[in-house]
C-alpha atoms as a PDB file:
ATOM      1  CA  MET A   1       0.109  -0.052   0.002  1.00  0.00           C
ATOM      2  CA  LEU A   2       1.135   3.557  -0.606  1.00  0.00           C
ATOM      3  CA  ASN A   3       1.700   5.868   2.279  1.00  0.00           C
ATOM      4  CA  SER A   4      -0.149   8.981   1.577  1.00  0.00           C
ATOM      5  CA  ASN A   5       1.701  10.719   4.353  1.00  0.00           C
ATOM      6  CA  PHE A   6       4.933  10.410   2.662  1.00  0.00           C
ATOM      7  CA  PRO A   7       5.578  13.083   0.090  1.00  0.00           C
ATOM      8  CA  ILE A   8       6.707  11.530  -3.195  1.00  0.00           C
ATOM      9  CA  SER A   9       7.364  12.984  -6.744  1.00  0.00           C
ATOM     10  CA  ARG A  10       4.773  11.565  -9.077  1.00  0.00           C
ATOM     11  CA  THR A  11       7.606  11.391 -11.778  1.00  0.00           C
ATOM     12  CA  ILE A  12       9.688   9.341  -9.342  1.00  0.00           C
ATOM     13  CA  MET A  13       6.890   6.993  -8.356  1.00  0.00           C
ATOM     14  CA  VAL A  14       5.831   6.216 -11.986  1.00  0.00           C
ATOM     15  CA  ALA A  15       9.434   5.719 -13.148  1.00  0.00           C
ATOM     16  CA  SER A  16       9.695   3.153 -10.365  1.00  0.00           C
ATOM     17  CA  TRP A  17       6.974   0.971 -11.662  1.00  0.00           C
ATOM     18  CA  ASN A  18       8.348  -2.306 -12.787  1.00  0.00           C
ATOM     19  CA  ASN A  19       7.632  -5.917 -13.288  1.00  0.00           C
ATOM     20  CA  LYS A  20       6.785  -6.435  -9.758  1.00  0.00           C
ATOM     21  CA  THR A  21       4.392  -3.567  -9.396  1.00  0.00           C
ATOM     22  CA  THR A  22       0.778  -4.762  -9.089  1.00  0.00           C
ATOM     23  CA  ALA A  23      -2.446  -3.554 -10.558  1.00  0.00           C
ATOM     24  CA  ASP A  24      -3.672  -2.655  -7.071  1.00  0.00           C
ATOM     25  CA  GLU A  25      -0.638  -0.349  -6.505  1.00  0.00           C
ATOM     26  CA  VAL A  26      -1.039   1.456  -9.683  1.00  0.00           C
ATOM     27  CA  ALA A  27      -4.852   1.795  -9.413  1.00  0.00           C
ATOM     28  CA  GLU A  28      -4.527   3.000  -5.747  1.00  0.00           C
ATOM     29  CA  TYR A  29      -2.059   5.641  -7.172  1.00  0.00           C
ATOM     30  CA  LEU A  30      -4.230   6.668  -9.938  1.00  0.00           C
ATOM     31  CA  SER A  31      -7.398   6.438  -7.973  1.00  0.00           C
ATOM     32  CA  SER A  32      -8.382  10.120  -8.652  1.00  0.00           C
ATOM     33  CA  GLU A  33      -7.938   9.275 -12.456  1.00  0.00           C
ATOM     34  CA  ILE A  34     -10.331   6.289 -12.144  1.00  0.00           C
ATOM     35  CA  LYS A  35     -12.840   8.043  -9.985  1.00  0.00           C
ATOM     36  CA  ASP A  36     -16.218   8.373 -11.736  1.00  0.00           C
ATOM     37  CA  LYS A  37     -15.082   6.601 -14.965  1.00  0.00           C
ATOM     38  CA  ASN A  38     -17.098   4.113 -16.741  1.00  0.00           C
ATOM     39  CA  VAL A  39     -14.774   1.314 -18.135  1.00  0.00           C
ATOM     40  CA  LEU A  40     -15.459  -1.762 -20.306  1.00  0.00           C
ATOM     41  CA  VAL A  41     -13.028  -4.664 -20.138  1.00  0.00           C
ATOM     42  CA  THR A  42     -13.389  -7.719 -22.380  1.00  0.00           C
ATOM     43  CA  GLY A  43     -12.066 -11.134 -21.583  1.00  0.00           C
ATOM     44  CA  VAL A  44     -12.899 -11.015 -17.717  1.00  0.00           C
ATOM     45  CA  SER A  45     -12.624 -14.720 -16.678  1.00  0.00           C
ATOM     46  CA  LEU A  46     -11.897 -15.172 -13.117  1.00  0.00           C
ATOM     47  CA  GLY A  47      -8.217 -15.729 -12.517  1.00  0.00           C
ATOM     48  CA  GLY A  48      -7.351 -13.995 -15.844  1.00  0.00           C
ATOM     49  CA  ILE A  49      -5.609 -10.736 -16.468  1.00  0.00           C
ATOM     50  CA  GLY A  50      -8.829  -9.047 -17.615  1.00  0.00           C
ATOM     51  CA  GLY A  51     -10.595 -10.093 -14.472  1.00  0.00           C
ATOM     52  CA  GLU A  52      -7.961  -8.603 -12.336  1.00  0.00           C
ATOM     53  CA  ALA A  53      -7.885  -5.477 -14.280  1.00  0.00           C
ATOM     54  CA  ALA A  54     -11.572  -5.170 -13.832  1.00  0.00           C
ATOM     55  CA  ARG A  55     -11.398  -5.925 -10.058  1.00  0.00           C
ATOM     56  CA  VAL A  56      -9.076  -3.279  -9.336  1.00  0.00           C
ATOM     57  CA  VAL A  57     -10.946  -0.622 -11.405  1.00  0.00           C
ATOM     58  CA  ALA A  58     -14.107  -1.483  -9.553  1.00  0.00           C
ATOM     59  CA  LYS A  59     -12.767  -0.323  -6.384  1.00  0.00           C
ATOM     60  CA  TYR A  60     -12.561   3.350  -7.558  1.00  0.00           C
ATOM     61  CA  GLY A  61     -14.503   3.620 -10.886  1.00  0.00           C
ATOM     62  CA  ASN A  62     -18.134   4.497 -11.350  1.00  0.00           C
ATOM     63  CA  LEU A  63     -19.145   1.507 -13.536  1.00  0.00           C
ATOM     64  CA  VAL A  64     -17.246  -1.579 -14.839  1.00  0.00           C
ATOM     65  CA  ILE A  65     -18.754  -3.527 -17.743  1.00  0.00           C
ATOM     66  CA  LEU A  66     -17.652  -7.058 -17.830  1.00  0.00           C
ATOM     67  CA  GLY A  67     -17.344  -8.410 -21.309  1.00  0.00           C
ATOM     68  CA  GLY A  68     -17.082 -12.194 -22.098  1.00  0.00           C
ATOM     69  CA  ARG A  69     -18.726 -15.011 -24.124  1.00  0.00           C
ATOM     70  CA  ASN A  70     -20.146 -17.064 -21.367  1.00  0.00           C
ATOM     71  CA  GLN A  71     -22.817 -15.600 -18.904  1.00  0.00           C
ATOM     72  CA  GLU A  72     -22.031 -18.210 -16.218  1.00  0.00           C
ATOM     73  CA  LYS A  73     -18.335 -17.154 -16.073  1.00  0.00           C
ATOM     74  CA  LEU A  74     -19.349 -13.339 -16.321  1.00  0.00           C
ATOM     75  CA  ASP A  75     -21.576 -13.996 -13.064  1.00  0.00           C
ATOM     76  CA  GLU A  76     -18.776 -15.794 -11.414  1.00  0.00           C
ATOM     77  CA  THR A  77     -16.235 -12.939 -12.061  1.00  0.00           C
ATOM     78  CA  ALA A  78     -18.969 -10.363 -10.943  1.00  0.00           C
ATOM     79  CA  ALA A  79     -19.859 -12.442  -7.885  1.00  0.00           C
ATOM     80  CA  SER A  80     -16.087 -12.487  -6.883  1.00  0.00           C
ATOM     81  CA  ILE A  81     -15.706  -8.660  -7.197  1.00  0.00           C
ATOM     82  CA  LYS A  82     -18.838  -8.119  -5.325  1.00  0.00           C
ATOM     83  CA  ALA A  83     -17.551 -10.360  -2.469  1.00  0.00           C
ATOM     84  CA  GLU A  84     -14.485  -8.198  -2.049  1.00  0.00           C
ATOM     85  CA  ILE A  85     -16.056  -4.834  -3.188  1.00  0.00           C
ATOM     86  CA  PRO A  86     -19.686  -4.782  -2.147  1.00  0.00           C
ATOM     87  CA  THR A  87     -20.153  -1.186  -3.440  1.00  0.00           C
ATOM     88  CA  ALA A  88     -18.872  -2.242  -7.072  1.00  0.00           C
ATOM     89  CA  ASN A  89     -21.118  -1.100  -9.819  1.00  0.00           C
ATOM     90  CA  LEU A  90     -20.982  -3.935 -12.423  1.00  0.00           C
ATOM     91  CA  ARG A  91     -22.691  -4.869 -15.549  1.00  0.00           C
ATOM     92  CA  THR A  92     -22.221  -7.934 -17.843  1.00  0.00           C
ATOM     93  CA  LEU A  93     -22.059  -8.018 -21.659  1.00  0.00           C
ATOM     94  CA  ILE A  94     -22.167 -11.186 -23.624  1.00  0.00           C
ATOM     95  CA  LEU A  95     -19.373 -10.691 -26.349  1.00  0.00           C
ATOM     96  CA  ASP A  96     -18.094 -13.713 -28.235  1.00  0.00           C
ATOM     97  CA  LEU A  97     -15.128 -12.579 -30.507  1.00  0.00           C
ATOM     98  CA  THR A  98     -15.467 -15.764 -32.493  1.00  0.00           C
ATOM     99  CA  SER A  99     -18.836 -14.670 -33.703  1.00  0.00           C
ATOM    100  CA  LEU A 100     -19.241 -11.379 -35.768  1.00  0.00           C
ATOM    101  CA  PRO A 101     -23.031 -11.504 -34.994  1.00  0.00           C
ATOM    102  CA  SER A 102     -22.331 -11.633 -31.419  1.00  0.00           C
ATOM    103  CA  VAL A 103     -19.887  -8.617 -31.516  1.00  0.00           C
ATOM    104  CA  GLU A 104     -22.606  -6.719 -33.487  1.00  0.00           C
ATOM    105  CA  ALA A 105     -25.288  -7.645 -30.863  1.00  0.00           C
ATOM    106  CA  ALA A 106     -22.947  -6.628 -28.009  1.00  0.00           C
ATOM    107  CA  ALA A 107     -22.188  -3.221 -29.659  1.00  0.00           C
ATOM    108  CA  ALA A 108     -25.895  -2.700 -30.092  1.00  0.00           C
ATOM    109  CA  THR A 109     -26.362  -3.353 -26.374  1.00  0.00           C
ATOM    110  CA  VAL A 110     -23.527  -0.884 -25.374  1.00  0.00           C
ATOM    111  CA  ASN A 111     -25.047   1.821 -27.753  1.00  0.00           C
ATOM    112  CA  SER A 112     -28.517   1.360 -26.097  1.00  0.00           C
ATOM    113  CA  TRP A 113     -27.004   2.469 -22.834  1.00  0.00           C
ATOM    114  CA  THR A 114     -27.009   6.059 -21.844  1.00  0.00           C
ATOM    115  CA  GLU A 115     -23.478   6.075 -20.089  1.00  0.00           C
ATOM    116  CA  PRO A 116     -20.500   7.162 -22.024  1.00  0.00           C
ATOM    117  CA  ILE A 117     -17.550   4.726 -22.114  1.00  0.00           C
ATOM    118  CA  HIS A 118     -14.314   6.391 -20.743  1.00  0.00           C
ATOM    119  CA  VAL A 119     -12.075   3.613 -21.166  1.00  0.00           C
ATOM    120  CA  LEU A 120     -12.353   0.368 -23.319  1.00  0.00           C
ATOM    121  CA  ILE A 121      -9.859  -2.353 -22.646  1.00  0.00           C
ATOM    122  CA  ASN A 122      -9.787  -4.903 -25.512  1.00  0.00           C
ATOM    123  CA  ASN A 123      -8.208  -7.633 -23.439  1.00  0.00           C
ATOM    124  CA  ALA A 124     -10.128 -10.859 -24.788  1.00  0.00           C
ATOM    125  CA  ALA A 125      -8.404 -13.078 -27.197  1.00  0.00           C
ATOM    126  CA  VAL A 126      -8.525 -16.752 -28.216  1.00  0.00           C
ATOM    127  CA  PRO A 127      -5.652 -19.085 -27.233  1.00  0.00           C
ATOM    128  CA  THR A 128      -3.125 -20.349 -29.800  1.00  0.00           C
ATOM    129  CA  ARG A 129      -4.260 -23.018 -32.106  1.00  0.00           C
ATOM    130  CA  LYS A 130      -1.980 -25.917 -33.060  1.00  0.00           C
ATOM    131  CA  GLU A 131      -3.724 -26.452 -36.306  1.00  0.00           C
ATOM    132  CA  LEU A 132      -4.605 -23.844 -38.949  1.00  0.00           C
ATOM    133  CA  THR A 133      -8.367 -23.019 -38.194  1.00  0.00           C
ATOM    134  CA  LEU A 134     -10.385 -20.792 -40.433  1.00  0.00           C
ATOM    135  CA  ILE A 135     -13.847 -19.114 -39.515  1.00  0.00           C
ATOM    136  CA  GLU A 136     -15.559 -17.802 -42.378  1.00  0.00           C
ATOM    137  CA  GLY A 137     -12.704 -17.948 -44.450  1.00  0.00           C
ATOM    138  CA  VAL A 138     -10.290 -15.964 -42.081  1.00  0.00           C
ATOM    139  CA  GLU A 139      -7.562 -17.529 -39.808  1.00  0.00           C
ATOM    140  CA  VAL A 140      -9.241 -17.822 -36.426  1.00  0.00           C
ATOM    141  CA  GLN A 141      -6.619 -15.958 -34.233  1.00  0.00           C
ATOM    142  CA  PHE A 142      -6.375 -13.038 -36.695  1.00  0.00           C
ATOM    143  CA  ARG A 143     -10.144 -12.937 -36.831  1.00  0.00           C
ATOM    144  CA  SER A 144     -10.882 -13.161 -33.107  1.00  0.00           C
ATOM    145  CA  ASN A 145      -7.981 -11.335 -31.670  1.00  0.00           C
ATOM    146  CA  PHE A 146      -7.901  -8.410 -34.203  1.00  0.00           C
ATOM    147  CA  VAL A 147     -10.822  -8.180 -36.599  1.00  0.00           C
ATOM    148  CA  ALA A 148     -13.576  -8.649 -34.054  1.00  0.00           C
ATOM    149  CA  PRO A 149     -12.134  -6.187 -31.576  1.00  0.00           C
ATOM    150  CA  PHE A 150     -11.675  -3.677 -34.567  1.00  0.00           C
ATOM    151  CA  LEU A 151     -15.296  -4.120 -35.293  1.00  0.00           C
ATOM    152  CA  PHE A 152     -16.435  -3.738 -31.695  1.00  0.00           C
ATOM    153  CA  THR A 153     -14.444  -0.714 -31.073  1.00  0.00           C
ATOM    154  CA  ASN A 154     -15.710   1.009 -34.135  1.00  0.00           C
ATOM    155  CA  LEU A 155     -19.327   0.249 -33.609  1.00  0.00           C
ATOM    156  CA  ILE A 156     -19.313   1.544 -30.085  1.00  0.00           C
ATOM    157  CA  LEU A 157     -17.188   4.556 -30.892  1.00  0.00           C
ATOM    158  CA  GLY A 158     -19.925   6.968 -30.433  1.00  0.00           C
ATOM    159  CA  ARG A 159     -20.120   5.849 -26.683  1.00  0.00           C
ATOM    160  CA  ILE A 160     -16.541   6.566 -26.372  1.00  0.00           C
ATOM    161  CA  LYS A 161     -16.533  10.041 -28.202  1.00  0.00           C
ATOM    162  CA  ALA A 162     -19.410  10.930 -25.684  1.00  0.00           C
ATOM    163  CA  ALA A 163     -16.868  10.612 -22.690  1.00  0.00           C
ATOM    164  CA  ALA A 164     -14.561  13.129 -24.223  1.00  0.00           C
ATOM    165  CA  SER A 165     -14.362  16.539 -22.401  1.00  0.00           C
ATOM    166  CA  ALA A 166     -12.080  19.529 -21.810  1.00  0.00           C
ATOM    167  CA  ASP A 167     -10.914  17.712 -18.743  1.00  0.00           C
ATOM    168  CA  PHE A 168     -10.799  13.995 -20.093  1.00  0.00           C
ATOM    169  CA  SER A 169      -9.350  12.127 -23.103  1.00  0.00           C
ATOM    170  CA  PRO A 170     -11.069   8.759 -23.405  1.00  0.00           C
ATOM    171  CA  ARG A 171      -8.670   5.778 -23.953  1.00  0.00           C
ATOM    172  CA  ILE A 172      -8.767   2.516 -25.893  1.00  0.00           C
ATOM    173  CA  VAL A 173      -6.335  -0.027 -24.747  1.00  0.00           C
ATOM    174  CA  ASN A 174      -5.522  -3.023 -26.961  1.00  0.00           C
ATOM    175  CA  VAL A 175      -3.639  -5.863 -25.434  1.00  0.00           C
ATOM    176  CA  GLY A 176      -0.740  -6.952 -27.492  1.00  0.00           C
ATOM    177  CA  SER A 177       2.181  -9.260 -26.720  1.00  0.00           C
ATOM    178  CA  SER A 178       5.941  -9.730 -27.075  1.00  0.00           C
ATOM    179  CA  ALA A 179       4.761 -12.517 -29.417  1.00  0.00           C
ATOM    180  CA  HIS A 180       4.399  -9.814 -32.062  1.00  0.00           C
ATOM    181  CA  ARG A 181       8.034 -10.432 -32.863  1.00  0.00           C
ATOM    182  CA  PHE A 182       7.232 -13.849 -34.199  1.00  0.00           C
ATOM    183  CA  SER A 183       5.374 -12.377 -37.230  1.00  0.00           C
ATOM    184  CA  PRO A 184       4.329  -9.242 -39.128  1.00  0.00           C
ATOM    185  CA  VAL A 185       0.871  -8.942 -40.397  1.00  0.00           C
ATOM    186  CA  ARG A 186       0.767 -10.960 -43.568  1.00  0.00           C
ATOM    187  CA  LEU A 187      -1.298  -8.518 -45.573  1.00  0.00           C
ATOM    188  CA  GLU A 188      -1.115 -10.562 -48.673  1.00  0.00           C
ATOM    189  CA  ASP A 189      -1.464 -14.015 -46.958  1.00  0.00           C
ATOM    190  CA  TYR A 190      -2.973 -13.710 -43.502  1.00  0.00           C
ATOM    191  CA  ASN A 191      -4.416 -17.173 -43.879  1.00  0.00           C
ATOM    192  CA  PHE A 192      -1.047 -18.863 -44.319  1.00  0.00           C
ATOM    193  CA  THR A 193      -1.873 -20.378 -47.718  1.00  0.00           C
ATOM    194  CA  ASP A 194       1.821 -20.853 -48.233  1.00  0.00           C
ATOM    195  CA  GLY A 195       1.764 -23.627 -45.637  1.00  0.00           C
ATOM    196  CA  SER A 196       4.028 -21.809 -43.020  1.00  0.00           C
ATOM    197  CA  TYR A 197       1.485 -21.771 -40.287  1.00  0.00           C
ATOM    198  CA  ASN A 198       2.448 -22.727 -36.716  1.00  0.00           C
ATOM    199  CA  GLN A 199       0.518 -21.600 -33.542  1.00  0.00           C
ATOM    200  CA  PHE A 200       3.109 -19.126 -32.432  1.00  0.00           C
ATOM    201  CA  VAL A 201       3.353 -17.393 -35.751  1.00  0.00           C
ATOM    202  CA  GLY A 202      -0.429 -17.211 -36.026  1.00  0.00           C
ATOM    203  CA  TYR A 203      -0.728 -15.759 -32.568  1.00  0.00           C
ATOM    204  CA  GLY A 204       2.154 -13.380 -33.317  1.00  0.00           C
ATOM    205  CA  GLN A 205       0.440 -12.074 -36.395  1.00  0.00           C
ATOM    206  CA  SER A 206      -2.699 -11.310 -34.409  1.00  0.00           C
ATOM    207  CA  LYS A 207      -0.893  -9.458 -31.620  1.00  0.00           C
ATOM    208  CA  THR A 208       1.047  -7.378 -34.173  1.00  0.00           C
ATOM    209  CA  ALA A 209      -2.316  -6.329 -35.763  1.00  0.00           C
ATOM    210  CA  ASP A 210      -3.507  -5.185 -32.137  1.00  0.00           C
ATOM    211  CA  ILE A 211      -0.448  -3.022 -31.851  1.00  0.00           C
ATOM    212  CA  LEU A 212      -0.938  -1.564 -35.259  1.00  0.00           C
ATOM    213  CA  PHE A 213      -4.510  -1.005 -34.384  1.00  0.00           C
ATOM    214  CA  SER A 214      -3.673   1.322 -31.518  1.00  0.00           C
ATOM    215  CA  VAL A 215      -1.172   3.162 -33.890  1.00  0.00           C
ATOM    216  CA  GLU A 216      -3.949   3.901 -36.359  1.00  0.00           C
ATOM    217  CA  LEU A 217      -6.613   4.570 -33.698  1.00  0.00           C
ATOM    218  CA  ALA A 218      -4.156   7.165 -32.223  1.00  0.00           C
ATOM    219  CA  LYS A 219      -3.876   8.916 -35.725  1.00  0.00           C
ATOM    220  CA  ARG A 220      -7.540   8.709 -36.611  1.00  0.00           C
ATOM    221  CA  LEU A 221      -9.193   9.683 -33.304  1.00  0.00           C
ATOM    222  CA  ALA A 222      -6.686  12.447 -32.170  1.00  0.00           C
ATOM    223  CA  LYS A 223      -9.199  14.996 -33.479  1.00  0.00           C
ATOM    224  CA  TYR A 224     -11.828  13.744 -31.039  1.00  0.00           C
ATOM    225  CA  GLY A 225      -9.320  13.870 -28.118  1.00  0.00           C
ATOM    226  CA  ILE A 226      -9.209  10.031 -27.804  1.00  0.00           C
ATOM    227  CA  LEU A 227      -6.251   8.225 -26.995  1.00  0.00           C
ATOM    228  CA  SER A 228      -5.009   4.696 -27.672  1.00  0.00           C
ATOM    229  CA  TYR A 229      -2.291   2.470 -26.375  1.00  0.00           C
ATOM    230  CA  SER A 230      -1.261  -1.061 -26.733  1.00  0.00           C
ATOM    231  CA  VAL A 231       0.271  -3.059 -23.887  1.00  0.00           C
ATOM    232  CA  HIS A 232       2.227  -6.307 -23.175  1.00  0.00           C
ATOM    233  CA  PRO A 233       1.098  -7.547 -19.887  1.00  0.00           C
ATOM    234  CA  GLY A 234       3.818 -10.128 -19.560  1.00  0.00           C
ATOM    235  CA  ALA A 235       3.161 -13.864 -18.719  1.00  0.00           C
ATOM    236  CA  ALA A 236       1.267 -14.958 -15.879  1.00  0.00           C
ATOM    237  CA  TRP A 237      -0.267 -18.436 -14.839  1.00  0.00           C
ATOM    238  CA  THR A 238      -3.817 -17.631 -15.897  1.00  0.00           C
ATOM    239  CA  PRO A 239      -6.085 -20.721 -16.815  1.00  0.00           C
ATOM    240  CA  GLY A 240      -5.191 -20.201 -20.445  1.00  0.00           C
ATOM    241  CA  ALA A 241      -1.480 -20.255 -19.705  1.00  0.00           C
ATOM    242  CA  LEU A 242      -1.904 -23.307 -17.337  1.00  0.00           C
ATOM    243  CA  ALA A 243      -3.490 -25.214 -20.311  1.00  0.00           C
ATOM    244  CA  MET A 244      -0.673 -24.625 -22.514  1.00  0.00           C
ATOM    245  CA  LYS A 245       1.980 -25.527 -19.825  1.00  0.00           C
ATOM    246  CA  PRO A 246       2.489 -29.121 -20.946  1.00  0.00           C
ATOM    247  CA  GLU A 247       3.199 -27.819 -24.530  1.00  0.00           C
ATOM    248  CA  LEU A 248       5.575 -25.147 -23.268  1.00  0.00           C
ATOM    249  CA  ILE A 249       7.594 -27.796 -21.385  1.00  0.00           C
ATOM    250  CA  LYS A 250       7.599 -30.274 -24.379  1.00  0.00           C
ATOM    251  CA  LEU A 251       8.810 -27.341 -26.605  1.00  0.00           C
ATOM    252  CA  GLY A 252      11.750 -26.695 -24.123  1.00  0.00           C
ATOM    253  CA  LEU A 253      10.507 -23.119 -23.373  1.00  0.00           C
ATOM    254  CA  ILE A 254       9.827 -23.630 -19.805  1.00  0.00           C
ATOM    255  CA  ASP A 255      10.862 -26.215 -17.194  1.00  0.00           C
ATOM    256  CA  GLU A 256       8.473 -28.286 -14.903  1.00  0.00           C
ATOM    257  CA  ASP A 257       8.315 -25.285 -12.369  1.00  0.00           C
ATOM    258  CA  GLY A 258       7.363 -22.910 -15.041  1.00  0.00           C
ATOM    259  CA  ASN A 259      10.644 -21.041 -15.140  1.00  0.00           C
ATOM    260  CA  ALA A 260      11.575 -19.621 -18.598  1.00  0.00           C
ATOM    261  CA  LEU A 261      14.329 -21.568 -20.482  1.00  0.00           C
ATOM    262  CA  SER A 262      14.158 -19.453 -23.512  1.00  0.00           C
ATOM    263  CA  ALA A 263      14.760 -15.635 -24.275  1.00  0.00           C
ATOM    264  CA  SER A 264      11.449 -15.712 -26.450  1.00  0.00           C
ATOM    265  CA  VAL A 265       9.550 -16.654 -23.123  1.00  0.00           C
ATOM    266  CA  ASP A 266       9.006 -13.898 -20.531  1.00  0.00           C
ATOM    267  CA  GLU A 267       9.740 -14.727 -16.905  1.00  0.00           C
ATOM    268  CA  PHE A 268       6.156 -15.316 -15.380  1.00  0.00           C
ATOM    269  CA  LYS A 269       4.532 -12.582 -13.232  1.00  0.00           C
ATOM    270  CA  SER A 270       1.918 -12.632 -10.592  1.00  0.00           C
ATOM    271  CA  LEU A 271      -1.559 -11.994 -11.837  1.00  0.00           C
ATOM    272  CA  GLY A 272      -1.615  -8.558 -10.345  1.00  0.00           C
ATOM    273  CA  ALA A 273       1.734  -7.595 -11.829  1.00  0.00           C
ATOM    274  CA  ALA A 274       0.429  -8.733 -15.320  1.00  0.00           C
ATOM    275  CA  ALA A 275      -2.685  -6.472 -15.062  1.00  0.00           C
ATOM    276  CA  ALA A 276      -0.763  -3.465 -13.875  1.00  0.00           C
ATOM    277  CA  THR A 277       0.122  -2.240 -17.289  1.00  0.00           C
ATOM    278  CA  HIS A 278      -3.717  -2.382 -18.274  1.00  0.00           C
ATOM    279  CA  ILE A 279      -4.194   0.169 -15.627  1.00  0.00           C
ATOM    280  CA  ALA A 280      -1.312   2.400 -16.432  1.00  0.00           C
ATOM    281  CA  ALA A 281      -2.134   2.534 -19.988  1.00  0.00           C
ATOM    282  CA  ALA A 282      -5.827   3.278 -19.180  1.00  0.00           C
ATOM    283  CA  PHE A 283      -5.259   6.016 -16.708  1.00  0.00           C
ATOM    284  CA  ASP A 284      -1.787   7.336 -16.444  1.00  0.00           C
ATOM    285  CA  PRO A 285      -1.786  11.056 -17.341  1.00  0.00           C
ATOM    286  CA  SER A 286       1.891  11.385 -17.959  1.00  0.00           C
ATOM    287  CA  ILE A 287       1.631   9.407 -21.173  1.00  0.00           C
ATOM    288  CA  LYS A 288      -1.014  11.487 -22.468  1.00  0.00           C
ATOM    289  CA  ASP A 289       1.083  12.934 -25.108  1.00  0.00           C
ATOM    290  CA  GLN A 290       2.260   9.461 -26.301  1.00  0.00           C
ATOM    291  CA  SER A 291      -0.888   8.046 -27.873  1.00  0.00           C
ATOM    292  CA  GLY A 292      -0.161   5.033 -29.980  1.00  0.00           C
ATOM    293  CA  SER A 293       2.617   3.865 -27.796  1.00  0.00           C
ATOM    294  CA  TYR A 294       3.315   0.351 -26.664  1.00  0.00           C
ATOM    295  CA  LEU A 295       3.747  -0.146 -22.922  1.00  0.00           C
ATOM    296  CA  PHE A 296       5.376  -3.050 -20.862  1.00  0.00           C
ATOM    297  CA  ASP A 297       5.904  -3.089 -17.063  1.00  0.00           C
ATOM    298  CA  CYS A 298       3.818   0.072 -16.816  1.00  0.00           C
ATOM    299  CA  GLN A 299       6.264   2.122 -18.950  1.00  0.00           C
ATOM    300  CA  VAL A 300       6.134   3.131 -22.541  1.00  0.00           C
ATOM    301  CA  ARG A 301       8.772   0.821 -24.271  1.00  0.00           C
ATOM    302  CA  LYS A 302       9.675   1.954 -27.799  1.00  0.00           C
ATOM    303  CA  ASP A 303      12.777  -0.069 -27.608  1.00  0.00           C
ATOM    304  CA  LEU A 304      10.715  -3.273 -27.077  1.00  0.00           C
ATOM    305  CA  VAL A 305       8.392  -3.078 -30.061  1.00  0.00           C
ATOM    306  CA  ALA A 306       9.404  -4.311 -33.489  1.00  0.00           C
ATOM    307  CA  PRO A 307       9.335  -1.948 -36.462  1.00  0.00           C
ATOM    308  CA  HIS A 308       6.689  -4.025 -38.328  1.00  0.00           C
ATOM    309  CA  ALA A 309       4.206  -3.398 -35.454  1.00  0.00           C
ATOM    310  CA  ILE A 310       4.398   0.388 -35.314  1.00  0.00           C
ATOM    311  CA  ASP A 311       4.841   1.300 -39.091  1.00  0.00           C
ATOM    312  CA  PRO A 312       2.034   3.838 -39.945  1.00  0.00           C
ATOM    313  CA  GLU A 313       1.927   2.805 -43.467  1.00  0.00           C
ATOM    314  CA  ILE A 314       1.344  -0.640 -42.433  1.00  0.00           C
ATOM    315  CA  SER A 315      -1.370   0.226 -39.898  1.00  0.00           C
ATOM    316  CA  ALA A 316      -3.236   2.214 -42.503  1.00  0.00           C
ATOM    317  CA  LYS A 317      -3.082  -0.905 -44.777  1.00  0.00           C
ATOM    318  CA  LEU A 318      -4.183  -3.130 -41.982  1.00  0.00           C
ATOM    319  CA  TRP A 319      -7.165  -0.855 -41.399  1.00  0.00           C
ATOM    320  CA  ALA A 320      -8.198  -1.092 -45.049  1.00  0.00           C
ATOM    321  CA  LEU A 321      -7.858  -4.923 -44.864  1.00  0.00           C
ATOM    322  CA  ALA A 322     -10.214  -5.064 -41.825  1.00  0.00           C
ATOM    323  CA  GLU A 323     -12.660  -2.847 -43.553  1.00  0.00           C
ATOM    324  CA  LYS A 324     -12.553  -5.168 -46.686  1.00  0.00           C
ATOM    325  CA  LEU A 325     -12.941  -8.511 -44.389  1.00  0.00           C
ATOM    326  CA  LEU A 326     -15.967  -7.032 -42.818  1.00  0.00           C
ATOM    327  CA  GLY A 327     -17.518  -5.180 -45.862  1.00  0.00           C
ATOM    328  CA  LYS A 328     -17.720  -2.116 -43.716  1.00  0.00           C
ATOM    329  CA  ASN A 329     -16.066   1.365 -43.811  1.00  0.00           C
ATOM    330  CA  PHE A 330     -15.244   3.284 -40.641  1.00  0.00           C
ATOM    331  CA  GLU A 331     -13.851   6.722 -40.085  1.00  0.00           C
END
C-alpha cells in the first residue's frame, strides 16, 4: 500500500513501476483518475488478467462493464468482485469474439445504454491453435484477436466519443504481446496459404495487428481527443497459460516449475503484476502525449516493439484490410 503521508514525486513514483508492481498499487495511485469513470473490459474470466484489471478498477470507478462470451463465467467474476467490493457497480455483456453477429449484438447493447465509455480495454483473445483453423474464411486468431475487436471498437465509438471533455481524454487499450515479434501482419497471406502456419506465428500475427490497431486509432481519433495504447502484460499463470504449460514444457520453453528456459518466453509474473500495465495505459496522465505507444511493465517501451508493429503505413493498410474483410467502412 502507498503511504499517503509520505511526500513523493509523481515522476519518481511512476518511473519506479516495474515487473513487480501490481495493478492494485497502480490503481490506488491513480485512484483520482479512475474516479467516476465507466470502463469496459473484455475477457474477464476469473483468474485471468482482464478479470484482475476489472477488479481493481471496480474499487474506484463508477461503472465496470464485464465483457465475455459465457454468462455463467461473467456472473462468477462479478460475484467474486462483489464479495470483495460490495459497492462495486458492475454490468455484464455477452461478447463472443469468434462470432461477428455476437460482436454486433454486444455493440448494439452498449449503444443502447446512456452512459459514455471513458475507457475500453480490449483484453479478450482466443488461445493459440495448433492447427490452422479458419472461421468464415479467415484464420481464427487473426479474426478473433484483431478483426472482431476492430469491429466492436468502431461500432461503439459513439459511446467513447461521448466521454470526451475539456478535462478528460477517453482511452482505448489494446492488449498486444511480445509475441508480436514472431510475425508481422501478412497482409497478402493472413491465412497462411503458403503452408508456413504454426500456432506461435499465427498468434504473433494477431498481436502485431493489435499493436498496429492502436497506432492507427491514435492517428484517426486524435481530432476527437481520444487516446489509444497497446500493452504487453507479460506472462502469468492464468487458466489459459496453465492449459498450455505441457506444450511449453515439451517445446523446451519452460521447465517443470514454469521457469523460462528461452529468451522468447517472458519470466512469469503474478496476476496482479500482469494486469498493472492495463491500468497504467488506461489512466496514467503522464503518457497523455504518447498516444499510439506500446507499454510494458507500466512504462512506454519503444525499444521493445518491432518496427513492423508500429509502421504507420502498415497500420493504414491493415485498417483497409479489416474493412474489406468486414464489408464495412469506418472513419
